[in-house]
């Protein structure tokens, strides 16, 4: 599967008094890009939740290299990095005009509504196959 980068621009409300995107927004940009990747996989987070699968964050990290300003257009490249059937990790690159602005990662797990871990390959083999395909590419 060819994963397309997520594109957007910095909104005014995401900036500080100097017109610079606040650092906390980068984790939101990562999540938006991950949700976009899920849509590219034809997986709806809402549909997964409806069948009892929740995908919370386990950890998140961002490194800031260059500033983004109000109305800057940028891309978030999402790289599926690790999938075990219980956990998955995504790496991110934020690029403006081809220049690297930020890198980071998020790790997630699969749990049910009682927050008990789910092993996709046992409980949802079709979903496991989809994730395996994306993460091996």
C-alpha atoms as a PDB file:
ATOM      1  CA  UNK A   1       0.000   0.000   0.000  1.00  0.00           C
ATOM      2  CA  UNK A   2       1.322   3.438  -0.964  1.00  0.00           C
ATOM      3  CA  UNK A   3       0.754   5.808   1.978  1.00  0.00           C
ATOM      4  CA  UNK A   4       0.092   9.424   1.020  1.00  0.00           C
ATOM      5  CA  UNK A   5       1.397  12.193   3.303  1.00  0.00           C
ATOM      6  CA  UNK A   6      -1.150  14.202   5.250  1.00  0.00           C
ATOM      7  CA  UNK A   7      -1.288  17.868   4.225  1.00  0.00           C
ATOM      8  CA  UNK A   8      -2.589  20.858   6.145  1.00  0.00           C
ATOM      9  CA  UNK A   9      -1.748  24.395   7.202  1.00  0.00           C
ATOM     10  CA  UNK A  10      -1.173  26.027  10.566  1.00  0.00           C
ATOM     11  CA  UNK A  11      -4.332  27.687  11.875  1.00  0.00           C
ATOM     12  CA  UNK A  12      -4.282  30.978  13.771  1.00  0.00           C
ATOM     13  CA  UNK A  13      -5.600  29.426  16.991  1.00  0.00           C
ATOM     14  CA  UNK A  14      -2.631  26.999  16.994  1.00  0.00           C
ATOM     15  CA  UNK A  15      -0.096  29.813  17.252  1.00  0.00           C
ATOM     16  CA  UNK A  16       1.337  31.850  20.078  1.00  0.00           C
ATOM     17  CA  UNK A  17       1.702  35.633  20.194  1.00  0.00           C
ATOM     18  CA  UNK A  18       4.661  35.447  17.786  1.00  0.00           C
ATOM     19  CA  UNK A  19       2.642  33.559  15.158  1.00  0.00           C
ATOM     20  CA  UNK A  20       4.568  30.309  15.807  1.00  0.00           C
ATOM     21  CA  UNK A  21       2.762  26.972  16.032  1.00  0.00           C
ATOM     22  CA  UNK A  22       2.700  25.963  19.703  1.00  0.00           C
ATOM     23  CA  UNK A  23       4.685  22.785  20.407  1.00  0.00           C
ATOM     24  CA  UNK A  24       1.653  20.941  21.792  1.00  0.00           C
ATOM     25  CA  UNK A  25       0.013  20.990  18.369  1.00  0.00           C
ATOM     26  CA  UNK A  26       2.593  18.668  16.835  1.00  0.00           C
ATOM     27  CA  UNK A  27       1.102  15.704  18.714  1.00  0.00           C
ATOM     28  CA  UNK A  28      -2.263  16.702  17.256  1.00  0.00           C
ATOM     29  CA  UNK A  29      -0.718  16.848  13.781  1.00  0.00           C
ATOM     30  CA  UNK A  30       0.652  13.335  14.351  1.00  0.00           C
ATOM     31  CA  UNK A  31      -2.791  12.086  15.380  1.00  0.00           C
ATOM     32  CA  UNK A  32      -4.508  13.737  12.415  1.00  0.00           C
ATOM     33  CA  UNK A  33      -1.968  12.097  10.103  1.00  0.00           C
ATOM     34  CA  UNK A  34      -2.465   8.711  11.782  1.00  0.00           C
ATOM     35  CA  UNK A  35      -6.259   9.037  11.414  1.00  0.00           C
ATOM     36  CA  UNK A  36      -5.728   9.904   7.750  1.00  0.00           C
ATOM     37  CA  UNK A  37      -3.589   6.771   7.359  1.00  0.00           C
ATOM     38  CA  UNK A  38      -6.378   4.695   8.935  1.00  0.00           C
ATOM     39  CA  UNK A  39      -8.811   6.144   6.373  1.00  0.00           C
ATOM     40  CA  UNK A  40      -6.347   5.242   3.612  1.00  0.00           C
ATOM     41  CA  UNK A  41      -6.430   1.684   5.009  1.00  0.00           C
ATOM     42  CA  UNK A  42     -10.253   1.813   4.787  1.00  0.00           C
ATOM     43  CA  UNK A  43     -10.468   1.539   8.564  1.00  0.00           C
ATOM     44  CA  UNK A  44     -12.764   3.820  10.489  1.00  0.00           C
ATOM     45  CA  UNK A  45     -11.834   4.524  14.088  1.00  0.00           C
ATOM     46  CA  UNK A  46     -15.552   4.863  14.834  1.00  0.00           C
ATOM     47  CA  UNK A  47     -16.294   1.448  13.288  1.00  0.00           C
ATOM     48  CA  UNK A  48     -13.468  -0.125  15.301  1.00  0.00           C
ATOM     49  CA  UNK A  49     -14.864   1.398  18.487  1.00  0.00           C
ATOM     50  CA  UNK A  50     -18.350   0.166  17.551  1.00  0.00           C
ATOM     51  CA  UNK A  51     -17.058  -3.439  17.490  1.00  0.00           C
ATOM     52  CA  UNK A  52     -15.251  -2.915  20.792  1.00  0.00           C
ATOM     53  CA  UNK A  53     -11.677  -2.055  19.740  1.00  0.00           C
ATOM     54  CA  UNK A  54     -10.105   1.039  21.262  1.00  0.00           C
ATOM     55  CA  UNK A  55      -6.595   2.182  20.276  1.00  0.00           C
ATOM     56  CA  UNK A  56      -5.178   4.422  23.032  1.00  0.00           C
ATOM     57  CA  UNK A  57      -1.760   6.074  23.031  1.00  0.00           C
ATOM     58  CA  UNK A  58       0.854   4.368  25.160  1.00  0.00           C
ATOM     59  CA  UNK A  59       3.493   7.032  24.599  1.00  0.00           C
ATOM     60  CA  UNK A  60       4.335   9.965  22.356  1.00  0.00           C
ATOM     61  CA  UNK A  61       7.481  11.891  21.512  1.00  0.00           C
ATOM     62  CA  UNK A  62       8.236  14.938  19.364  1.00  0.00           C
ATOM     63  CA  UNK A  63      11.503  16.633  18.463  1.00  0.00           C
ATOM     64  CA  UNK A  64      11.342  20.187  17.128  1.00  0.00           C
ATOM     65  CA  UNK A  65      13.837  21.190  14.454  1.00  0.00           C
ATOM     66  CA  UNK A  66      12.331  24.167  12.567  1.00  0.00           C
ATOM     67  CA  UNK A  67       9.448  26.500  13.348  1.00  0.00           C
ATOM     68  CA  UNK A  68       6.056  26.453  11.693  1.00  0.00           C
ATOM     69  CA  UNK A  69       4.183  29.761  11.467  1.00  0.00           C
ATOM     70  CA  UNK A  70       0.582  30.829  10.924  1.00  0.00           C
ATOM     71  CA  UNK A  71      -0.652  29.774   7.448  1.00  0.00           C
ATOM     72  CA  UNK A  72       2.428  27.642   6.688  1.00  0.00           C
ATOM     73  CA  UNK A  73       1.456  24.633   4.589  1.00  0.00           C
ATOM     74  CA  UNK A  74       3.131  21.405   5.669  1.00  0.00           C
ATOM     75  CA  UNK A  75       3.097  17.647   5.218  1.00  0.00           C
ATOM     76  CA  UNK A  76       3.134  14.943   7.847  1.00  0.00           C
ATOM     77  CA  UNK A  77       4.691  11.718   6.597  1.00  0.00           C
ATOM     78  CA  UNK A  78       3.565   8.709   8.644  1.00  0.00           C
ATOM     79  CA  UNK A  79       5.754   5.621   8.696  1.00  0.00           C
ATOM     80  CA  UNK A  80       4.335   2.418  10.193  1.00  0.00           C
ATOM     81  CA  UNK A  81       7.300   1.264  12.302  1.00  0.00           C
ATOM     82  CA  UNK A  82       6.216  -1.711  14.443  1.00  0.00           C
ATOM     83  CA  UNK A  83       3.196  -3.990  14.706  1.00  0.00           C
ATOM     84  CA  UNK A  84       2.915  -6.938  17.103  1.00  0.00           C
ATOM     85  CA  UNK A  85      -0.802  -7.654  17.020  1.00  0.00           C
ATOM     86  CA  UNK A  86      -1.135  -6.061  20.468  1.00  0.00           C
ATOM     87  CA  UNK A  87       0.835  -2.834  19.946  1.00  0.00           C
ATOM     88  CA  UNK A  88       1.812  -0.634  17.043  1.00  0.00           C
ATOM     89  CA  UNK A  89       4.223   2.259  16.615  1.00  0.00           C
ATOM     90  CA  UNK A  90       4.196   5.058  14.048  1.00  0.00           C
ATOM     91  CA  UNK A  91       7.028   7.439  13.203  1.00  0.00           C
ATOM     92  CA  UNK A  92       6.357  10.934  11.860  1.00  0.00           C
ATOM     93  CA  UNK A  93       8.158  13.607   9.880  1.00  0.00           C
ATOM     94  CA  UNK A  94       6.739  17.114   9.541  1.00  0.00           C
ATOM     95  CA  UNK A  95       7.991  18.814   6.377  1.00  0.00           C
ATOM     96  CA  UNK A  96       7.586  22.361   5.093  1.00  0.00           C
ATOM     97  CA  UNK A  97       8.858  23.069   1.581  1.00  0.00           C
ATOM     98  CA  UNK A  98      10.834  19.823   1.748  1.00  0.00           C
ATOM     99  CA  UNK A  99      12.617  20.825   4.969  1.00  0.00           C
ATOM    100  CA  UNK A 100      12.323  18.702   8.085  1.00  0.00           C
ATOM    101  CA  UNK A 101      10.566  20.635  10.868  1.00  0.00           C
ATOM    102  CA  UNK A 102       9.823  17.902  13.384  1.00  0.00           C
ATOM    103  CA  UNK A 103      10.166  14.186  13.965  1.00  0.00           C
ATOM    104  CA  UNK A 104       8.429  11.962  16.450  1.00  0.00           C
ATOM    105  CA  UNK A 105       6.623   8.762  17.213  1.00  0.00           C
ATOM    106  CA  UNK A 106       3.546   7.417  18.934  1.00  0.00           C
ATOM    107  CA  UNK A 107       2.906   3.935  20.288  1.00  0.00           C
ATOM    108  CA  UNK A 108      -0.588   2.489  20.637  1.00  0.00           C
ATOM    109  CA  UNK A 109      -2.188  -0.689  21.920  1.00  0.00           C
ATOM    110  CA  UNK A 110      -5.461  -2.469  21.196  1.00  0.00           C
ATOM    111  CA  UNK A 111      -7.871  -2.804  24.107  1.00  0.00           C
ATOM    112  CA  UNK A 112     -11.541  -3.556  24.652  1.00  0.00           C
ATOM    113  CA  UNK A 113     -14.016  -1.247  26.364  1.00  0.00           C
ATOM    114  CA  UNK A 114     -12.883  -2.561  29.771  1.00  0.00           C
ATOM    115  CA  UNK A 115      -9.303  -1.573  28.816  1.00  0.00           C
ATOM    116  CA  UNK A 116      -8.182  -5.218  28.597  1.00  0.00           C
ATOM    117  CA  UNK A 117      -5.602  -5.963  25.879  1.00  0.00           C
ATOM    118  CA  UNK A 118      -6.798  -7.465  22.607  1.00  0.00           C
ATOM    119  CA  UNK A 119      -4.625  -9.721  20.462  1.00  0.00           C
ATOM    120  CA  UNK A 120      -5.826  -8.926  16.944  1.00  0.00           C
ATOM    121  CA  UNK A 121      -4.511 -12.108  15.306  1.00  0.00           C
ATOM    122  CA  UNK A 122      -6.685 -14.187  17.678  1.00  0.00           C
ATOM    123  CA  UNK A 123      -9.778 -12.014  17.988  1.00  0.00           C
ATOM    124  CA  UNK A 124      -9.873 -10.163  14.650  1.00  0.00           C
ATOM    125  CA  UNK A 125      -7.780 -12.042  12.033  1.00  0.00           C
ATOM    126  CA  UNK A 126      -9.041  -9.884   9.126  1.00  0.00           C
ATOM    127  CA  UNK A 127      -7.920  -6.696  10.878  1.00  0.00           C
ATOM    128  CA  UNK A 128      -4.635  -8.356  11.834  1.00  0.00           C
ATOM    129  CA  UNK A 129      -4.020  -9.143   8.146  1.00  0.00           C
ATOM    130  CA  UNK A 130      -4.708  -5.504   7.187  1.00  0.00           C
ATOM    131  CA  UNK A 131      -2.315  -4.108   9.782  1.00  0.00           C
ATOM    132  CA  UNK A 132       0.328  -6.715   8.928  1.00  0.00           C
ATOM    133  CA  UNK A 133       0.164  -5.696   5.247  1.00  0.00           C
ATOM    134  CA  UNK A 134       0.591  -1.978   5.987  1.00  0.00           C
ATOM    135  CA  UNK A 135       3.399  -2.465   8.493  1.00  0.00           C
ATOM    136  CA  UNK A 136       5.453  -4.801   6.323  1.00  0.00           C
ATOM    137  CA  UNK A 137       5.470  -2.342   3.410  1.00  0.00           C
END
